[in-house]
Amino acid sequence: MEWARIEPQEGIWDKREIEHYKKVLRSAQNKGLKTFVTLHHFTNPLWFSKKGGWQNPKSARYFERYAKKCAEEFGEWMDVVLTINEPQVLTLMAYVKSTWPPQKKSFLKAILVQINFIRAHKKGYKAIKNVAEDLPVGIVKNIVWFEARPEKVNLTGKLVAKILTFGGCDFFLRPLKGYMDLIGVNYYFTEWLEGFKLKNLDGRVSDLGWRICPKGLEKVLLNLQKYNLPIYVTENGLADEKDSLREGFLRDMLEACSHALEKGVSLKGYFYWSLLDNFEWHEGYWPKFGLVEVDRENGLERIPRSSFDFYAKVCGGKR
């Protein structure tokens, strides 16, 4: 869902846009699809941004009102609601690296924004449950797995890895205990550490330079087992314009999921990111994540890549 379309002005709901989303959801349901609906994926309404965005102490209440409206309007056509996508990524990119709007580099603001995201999820969760008690509600966390570089004694690296893994996972999820029916996990890469520095080993990387490490996905899933909740891999993919690595990537990542299942993880689903080539935020259109190419020079023609056929066979139980 795009919040700015549904609530273009504070407290004013756009009936035409609400009908648009109802049409999309009904169409999906009629085609036998399950709908996992995300309420917030990085972008904000202008009126919300002008009020300070996620720095505003009232931001959680604004989100609560929006979540309640979505539950009232779309509840019967949603199978799962995911309140916020990758809140710590937005915090990192906007308030630490200052790459994304509002580009305000500040450690204190980064902490405040994370606290407001936690508050927003809790309020949104309760608001949705008050409207549709049986509707499953979760949140989506991007989780990077950190490890000390393994081929040497690296005690500092081990300590730093534990701190960073906690900061990027449990720091955010622990306060949400009791306010999640499931956990969505976005996993893309593992980082190796030597002391305080990132020292990634040579190996397969995506077009964005992200290291391909299926074992890291298994470890992320095992680490989440302590929450005793259903888990969905809501994003896992790579930029690979030549489509030379994607088939092997899919096979290895799904094997990692299988290993996690064998060890008792309550893993309920896997979503490859993504079906189509997408707009990758500040990177633009050049990274190609899609199973299907989108030809932007030729009327947005859809061209399935070879990995599309491979994944279709996997989904159909033929691989």
Protein backbone atom coordinates (compact mmCIF):
# COMPACT_ATOMS: atom_id res chain seq x y z
CA MET A 1 0.00 0.00 0.00
CA GLU A 2 1.10 3.57 -0.67
CA TRP A 3 0.13 5.67 2.35
CA ALA A 4 0.32 8.91 0.35
CA ARG A 5 -2.33 7.66 -2.08
CA ILE A 6 -4.73 6.54 0.63
CA GLU A 7 -4.27 9.58 2.90
CA PRO A 8 -2.97 12.38 0.62
CA GLN A 9 -3.87 15.02 3.20
CA GLU A 10 -3.91 14.55 6.94
CA GLY A 11 -7.13 12.84 7.98
CA ILE A 12 -8.58 12.92 4.46
CA TRP A 13 -9.05 9.57 2.74
CA ASP A 14 -9.04 9.22 -1.04
CA LYS A 15 -12.02 6.98 -1.95
CA ARG A 16 -10.81 6.50 -5.52
CA GLU A 17 -7.44 5.16 -4.39
CA ILE A 18 -9.08 2.93 -1.79
CA GLU A 19 -11.24 1.43 -4.54
CA HIS A 20 -8.11 0.93 -6.65
CA TYR A 21 -6.50 -1.19 -3.94
CA LYS A 22 -9.72 -3.12 -3.34
CA LYS A 23 -9.77 -3.95 -7.05
CA VAL A 24 -6.18 -5.19 -6.91
CA LEU A 25 -6.81 -7.32 -3.82
CA ARG A 26 -10.05 -8.80 -5.15
CA SER A 27 -8.33 -9.67 -8.42
CA ALA A 28 -5.52 -11.42 -6.55
CA GLN A 29 -8.00 -13.35 -4.42
CA ASN A 30 -10.02 -14.38 -7.49
CA LYS A 31 -6.83 -15.77 -9.04
CA GLY A 32 -6.16 -17.93 -5.99
CA LEU A 33 -3.29 -15.81 -4.68
CA LYS A 34 -2.49 -15.19 -1.02
CA THR A 35 -2.06 -11.50 -0.24
CA PHE A 36 0.77 -10.37 2.05
CA VAL A 37 0.12 -6.65 2.27
CA THR A 38 2.79 -4.18 3.43
CA LEU A 39 1.46 -0.88 4.80
CA HIS A 40 4.73 1.11 4.73
CA HIS A 41 7.72 0.58 2.43
CA PHE A 42 10.07 3.55 2.93
CA THR A 43 7.92 6.32 1.40
CA ASN A 44 5.82 8.86 3.36
CA PRO A 45 2.97 11.27 2.57
CA LEU A 46 4.19 14.84 2.10
CA TRP A 47 2.05 16.13 4.96
CA PHE A 48 3.64 13.52 7.24
CA SER A 49 7.15 14.50 6.13
CA LYS A 50 6.43 18.19 6.70
CA LYS A 51 5.50 17.35 10.28
CA GLY A 52 8.94 15.83 10.83
CA GLY A 53 8.24 12.33 9.56
CA TRP A 54 9.38 9.55 11.87
CA GLN A 55 11.16 12.03 14.15
CA ASN A 56 7.79 13.39 15.26
CA PRO A 57 6.62 11.89 18.59
CA LYS A 58 3.11 11.78 17.07
CA SER A 59 4.27 9.69 14.08
CA ALA A 60 3.15 6.44 15.73
CA ARG A 61 -0.37 7.82 16.19
CA TYR A 62 -0.54 8.93 12.56
CA PHE A 63 0.48 5.43 11.48
CA GLU A 64 -2.03 3.89 13.90
CA ARG A 65 -4.88 5.81 12.23
CA TYR A 66 -3.71 4.73 8.77
CA ALA A 67 -3.35 1.06 9.82
CA LYS A 68 -6.86 1.10 11.29
CA LYS A 69 -8.27 2.52 8.05
CA CYS A 70 -6.52 -0.17 5.99
CA ALA A 71 -7.92 -2.91 8.22
CA GLU A 72 -11.43 -1.47 7.90
CA GLU A 73 -11.29 -1.06 4.12
CA PHE A 74 -9.20 -4.07 3.02
CA GLY A 75 -9.37 -6.59 5.88
CA GLU A 76 -11.51 -9.17 4.10
CA TRP A 77 -9.09 -9.33 1.15
CA MET A 78 -5.81 -9.48 3.09
CA ASP A 79 -4.34 -12.80 4.23
CA VAL A 80 -1.42 -11.25 6.13
CA VAL A 81 -0.61 -7.64 7.08
CA LEU A 82 3.01 -6.52 7.36
CA THR A 83 3.09 -3.14 9.05
CA ILE A 84 6.52 -1.71 8.18
CA ASN A 85 9.19 -2.89 5.78
CA GLU A 86 12.83 -2.71 6.94
CA PRO A 87 12.50 0.12 9.49
CA GLN A 88 16.17 -0.09 10.45
CA VAL A 89 17.28 0.16 6.81
CA LEU A 90 15.31 3.38 6.40
CA THR A 91 16.87 4.65 9.64
CA LEU A 92 20.38 3.72 8.46
CA MET A 93 20.05 5.23 5.00
CA ALA A 94 18.28 8.44 6.08
CA TYR A 95 19.81 9.23 9.48
CA VAL A 96 23.22 7.51 9.51
CA LYS A 97 24.46 7.40 5.91
CA SER A 98 22.26 10.37 4.94
CA THR A 99 21.67 8.95 1.45
CA TRP A 100 17.86 8.89 1.54
CA PRO A 101 15.43 11.67 2.53
CA PRO A 102 15.33 13.49 4.85
CA GLN A 103 19.17 13.18 4.83
CA LYS A 104 19.66 14.19 8.45
CA LYS A 105 22.81 12.52 9.75
CA SER A 106 22.40 12.18 13.50
CA PHE A 107 22.93 9.23 15.84
CA LEU A 108 20.38 10.59 18.32
CA LYS A 109 17.76 11.07 15.60
CA ALA A 110 18.48 7.54 14.35
CA ILE A 111 17.71 6.15 17.81
CA LEU A 112 14.57 8.30 18.11
CA VAL A 113 13.29 7.17 14.70
CA GLN A 114 13.80 3.49 15.60
CA ILE A 115 11.88 3.99 18.84
CA ASN A 116 9.05 5.65 16.92
CA PHE A 117 8.98 2.75 14.44
CA ILE A 118 8.66 0.32 17.35
CA ARG A 119 5.83 2.41 18.81
CA ALA A 120 4.16 2.66 15.39
CA HIS A 121 4.18 -1.09 14.90
CA LYS A 122 2.70 -1.72 18.36
CA LYS A 123 -0.06 0.84 17.87
CA GLY A 124 -0.72 -0.38 14.33
CA TYR A 125 -0.86 -3.98 15.51
CA LYS A 126 -3.47 -3.20 18.16
CA ALA A 127 -5.49 -1.03 15.77
CA ILE A 128 -5.65 -3.80 13.16
CA LYS A 129 -6.54 -6.44 15.75
CA ASN A 130 -9.37 -4.27 17.09
CA VAL A 131 -10.88 -4.30 13.61
CA ALA A 132 -9.98 -7.84 12.45
CA GLU A 133 -8.96 -9.99 15.42
CA ASP A 134 -8.04 -13.05 13.36
CA LEU A 135 -5.98 -11.24 10.73
CA PRO A 136 -2.27 -12.19 11.12
CA VAL A 137 -0.04 -9.14 11.60
CA GLY A 138 3.76 -9.02 11.45
CA ILE A 139 6.69 -6.80 10.59
CA VAL A 140 9.50 -7.18 8.04
CA LYS A 141 13.11 -6.93 9.21
CA ASN A 142 16.15 -6.83 6.99
CA ILE A 143 18.79 -8.86 8.81
CA VAL A 144 22.49 -8.93 7.93
CA TRP A 145 24.40 -11.78 9.54
CA PHE A 146 27.78 -10.73 10.97
CA GLU A 147 30.63 -13.17 11.64
CA ALA A 148 34.27 -12.96 12.60
CA ARG A 149 36.59 -13.88 9.74
CA PRO A 150 37.11 -17.58 10.44
CA GLU A 151 40.65 -18.43 9.39
CA LYS A 152 42.44 -16.74 12.29
CA VAL A 153 42.04 -15.99 16.01
CA ASN A 154 39.75 -12.99 15.94
CA LEU A 155 38.25 -12.36 19.39
CA THR A 156 37.53 -8.69 18.72
CA GLY A 157 35.79 -9.61 15.48
CA LYS A 158 33.61 -12.14 17.31
CA LEU A 159 32.56 -9.57 19.90
CA VAL A 160 31.83 -6.90 17.27
CA ALA A 161 29.87 -9.44 15.20
CA LYS A 162 27.67 -10.30 18.18
CA ILE A 163 27.04 -6.63 18.93
CA LEU A 164 26.18 -5.79 15.32
CA THR A 165 23.95 -8.85 14.90
CA PHE A 166 22.08 -7.94 18.10
CA GLY A 167 21.75 -4.30 16.97
CA GLY A 168 20.34 -5.30 13.59
CA CYS A 169 17.93 -7.91 14.92
CA ASP A 170 17.03 -8.35 18.59
CA PHE A 171 17.42 -4.69 19.52
CA PHE A 172 14.35 -4.03 17.39
CA LEU A 173 12.40 -7.29 17.68
CA ARG A 174 12.58 -7.92 21.44
CA PRO A 175 10.41 -4.89 22.32
CA LEU A 176 7.78 -6.24 19.90
CA LYS A 177 7.20 -9.52 21.73
CA GLY A 178 3.47 -9.98 22.09
CA TYR A 179 2.83 -7.66 19.13
CA MET A 180 3.76 -10.03 16.29
CA ASP A 181 1.92 -13.04 14.87
CA LEU A 182 4.79 -13.74 12.47
CA ILE A 183 8.19 -12.38 11.47
CA GLY A 184 9.12 -11.39 7.92
CA VAL A 185 12.84 -11.68 7.13
CA ASN A 186 14.66 -9.94 4.30
CA TYR A 187 18.11 -11.47 3.85
CA TYR A 188 20.68 -10.51 1.24
CA PHE A 189 24.21 -10.97 2.59
CA THR A 190 26.60 -11.82 5.42
CA GLU A 191 29.47 -9.57 6.51
CA TRP A 192 32.86 -10.90 7.71
CA LEU A 193 34.72 -8.93 10.38
CA GLU A 194 38.38 -8.73 11.33
CA GLY A 195 38.56 -6.72 14.53
CA PHE A 196 36.47 -3.61 13.94
CA LYS A 197 36.76 -3.74 10.15
CA LEU A 198 34.74 -5.48 7.47
CA LYS A 199 37.00 -8.02 5.74
CA ASN A 200 34.86 -9.95 3.32
CA LEU A 201 36.36 -13.02 1.72
CA ASP A 202 36.51 -13.42 -2.01
CA GLY A 203 33.59 -15.27 -3.50
CA ARG A 204 30.44 -14.89 -5.53
CA VAL A 205 28.92 -11.42 -5.42
CA SER A 206 25.91 -9.75 -7.02
CA ASP A 207 26.13 -6.83 -9.44
CA LEU A 208 25.83 -4.59 -6.36
CA GLY A 209 28.86 -6.28 -4.79
CA TRP A 210 26.79 -8.08 -2.15
CA ARG A 211 28.40 -11.34 -1.10
CA ILE A 212 26.30 -14.45 -1.74
CA CYS A 213 26.23 -16.51 1.47
CA PRO A 214 23.38 -19.03 1.80
CA LYS A 215 24.73 -20.31 5.13
CA GLY A 216 24.06 -16.85 6.56
CA LEU A 217 20.35 -17.21 5.78
CA GLU A 218 20.23 -20.48 7.69
CA LYS A 219 21.93 -18.83 10.68
CA VAL A 220 19.53 -15.87 10.61
CA LEU A 221 16.56 -18.25 10.65
CA LEU A 222 18.03 -20.31 13.50
CA ASN A 223 18.67 -17.12 15.48
CA LEU A 224 15.00 -16.14 15.14
CA GLN A 225 13.81 -19.52 16.39
CA LYS A 226 13.76 -18.20 19.99
CA TYR A 227 10.76 -15.99 19.21
CA ASN A 228 8.58 -19.09 18.67
CA LEU A 229 6.73 -17.47 15.77
CA PRO A 230 6.04 -18.43 12.15
CA ILE A 231 8.75 -17.00 9.89
CA TYR A 232 8.53 -15.98 6.24
CA VAL A 233 11.51 -15.08 4.09
CA THR A 234 9.82 -12.02 2.61
CA GLU A 235 12.78 -10.94 0.44
CA ASN A 236 15.81 -12.83 -0.83
CA GLY A 237 17.38 -12.10 -4.18
CA LEU A 238 20.27 -10.59 -6.07
CA ALA A 239 21.10 -8.09 -8.78
CA ASP A 240 22.27 -10.21 -11.74
CA GLU A 241 21.72 -8.62 -15.14
CA LYS A 242 23.30 -11.53 -17.04
CA ASP A 243 21.22 -14.06 -15.06
CA SER A 244 24.35 -16.18 -14.68
CA LEU A 245 24.18 -16.64 -10.89
CA ARG A 246 20.49 -16.55 -10.09
CA GLU A 247 19.64 -20.22 -10.64
CA GLY A 248 22.48 -21.36 -8.36
CA PHE A 249 21.57 -18.62 -5.89
CA LEU A 250 17.99 -19.86 -5.69
CA ARG A 251 19.04 -23.48 -5.29
CA ASP A 252 21.52 -22.71 -2.53
CA MET A 253 19.22 -20.35 -0.62
CA LEU A 254 16.34 -22.82 -0.73
CA GLU A 255 18.67 -25.54 0.53
CA ALA A 256 19.58 -23.22 3.42
CA CYS A 257 15.87 -22.86 4.16
CA SER A 258 15.52 -26.63 4.04
CA HIS A 259 18.34 -27.08 6.54
CA ALA A 260 16.67 -24.57 8.87
CA LEU A 261 13.39 -26.49 8.61
CA GLU A 262 15.17 -29.73 9.47
CA LYS A 263 16.51 -28.03 12.62
CA GLY A 264 13.04 -27.06 13.78
CA VAL A 265 12.61 -23.52 12.45
CA SER A 266 8.94 -22.67 11.84
CA LEU A 267 9.58 -21.40 8.31
CA LYS A 268 6.26 -21.04 6.46
CA GLY A 269 7.15 -19.39 3.17
CA TYR A 270 9.80 -17.93 0.86
CA PHE A 271 9.49 -14.94 -1.48
CA TYR A 272 12.17 -14.35 -4.09
CA TRP A 273 12.89 -10.64 -4.66
CA SER A 274 11.68 -9.98 -7.17
CA LEU A 275 9.37 -11.09 -9.96
CA LEU A 276 10.13 -8.00 -12.08
CA ASP A 277 13.12 -5.69 -12.37
CA ASN A 278 12.41 -2.87 -9.93
CA PHE A 279 13.34 0.68 -8.99
CA GLU A 280 16.14 0.15 -6.47
CA TRP A 281 15.85 3.45 -4.58
CA HIS A 282 18.97 5.66 -4.91
CA GLU A 283 20.51 3.13 -7.33
CA GLY A 284 17.69 3.64 -9.83
CA TYR A 285 16.82 1.02 -12.44
CA TRP A 286 20.25 -0.41 -13.27
CA PRO A 287 20.34 -3.28 -10.71
CA LYS A 288 18.38 -6.18 -12.20
CA PHE A 289 16.73 -8.29 -9.49
CA GLY A 290 13.90 -9.70 -11.60
CA LEU A 291 13.13 -13.23 -12.64
CA VAL A 292 11.51 -11.31 -15.49
CA GLU A 293 13.36 -8.56 -17.35
CA VAL A 294 11.52 -5.27 -17.89
CA ASP A 295 12.67 -3.65 -21.13
CA ARG A 296 12.38 0.08 -20.40
CA GLU A 297 13.48 0.98 -23.92
CA ASN A 298 10.71 -1.03 -25.55
CA GLY A 299 7.35 -0.30 -23.97
CA LEU A 300 8.10 -2.11 -20.68
CA GLU A 301 8.07 -5.48 -22.41
CA ARG A 302 8.31 -8.41 -19.96
CA ILE A 303 10.94 -11.00 -20.89
CA PRO A 304 11.27 -14.07 -18.62
CA ARG A 305 14.89 -14.94 -17.82
CA SER A 306 16.08 -18.56 -17.71
CA SER A 307 16.00 -18.43 -13.91
CA PHE A 308 12.25 -17.79 -14.18
CA ASP A 309 11.75 -21.21 -15.77
CA PHE A 310 13.95 -22.86 -13.14
CA TYR A 311 12.04 -21.26 -10.26
CA ALA A 312 8.69 -22.12 -11.83
CA LYS A 313 9.74 -25.79 -11.84
CA VAL A 314 10.81 -25.53 -8.20
CA CYS A 315 7.47 -24.00 -7.23
CA GLY A 316 5.68 -26.69 -9.20
CA GLY A 317 7.57 -29.44 -7.38
CA LYS A 318 9.51 -30.53 -10.47
CA ARG A 319 12.99 -29.64 -9.14
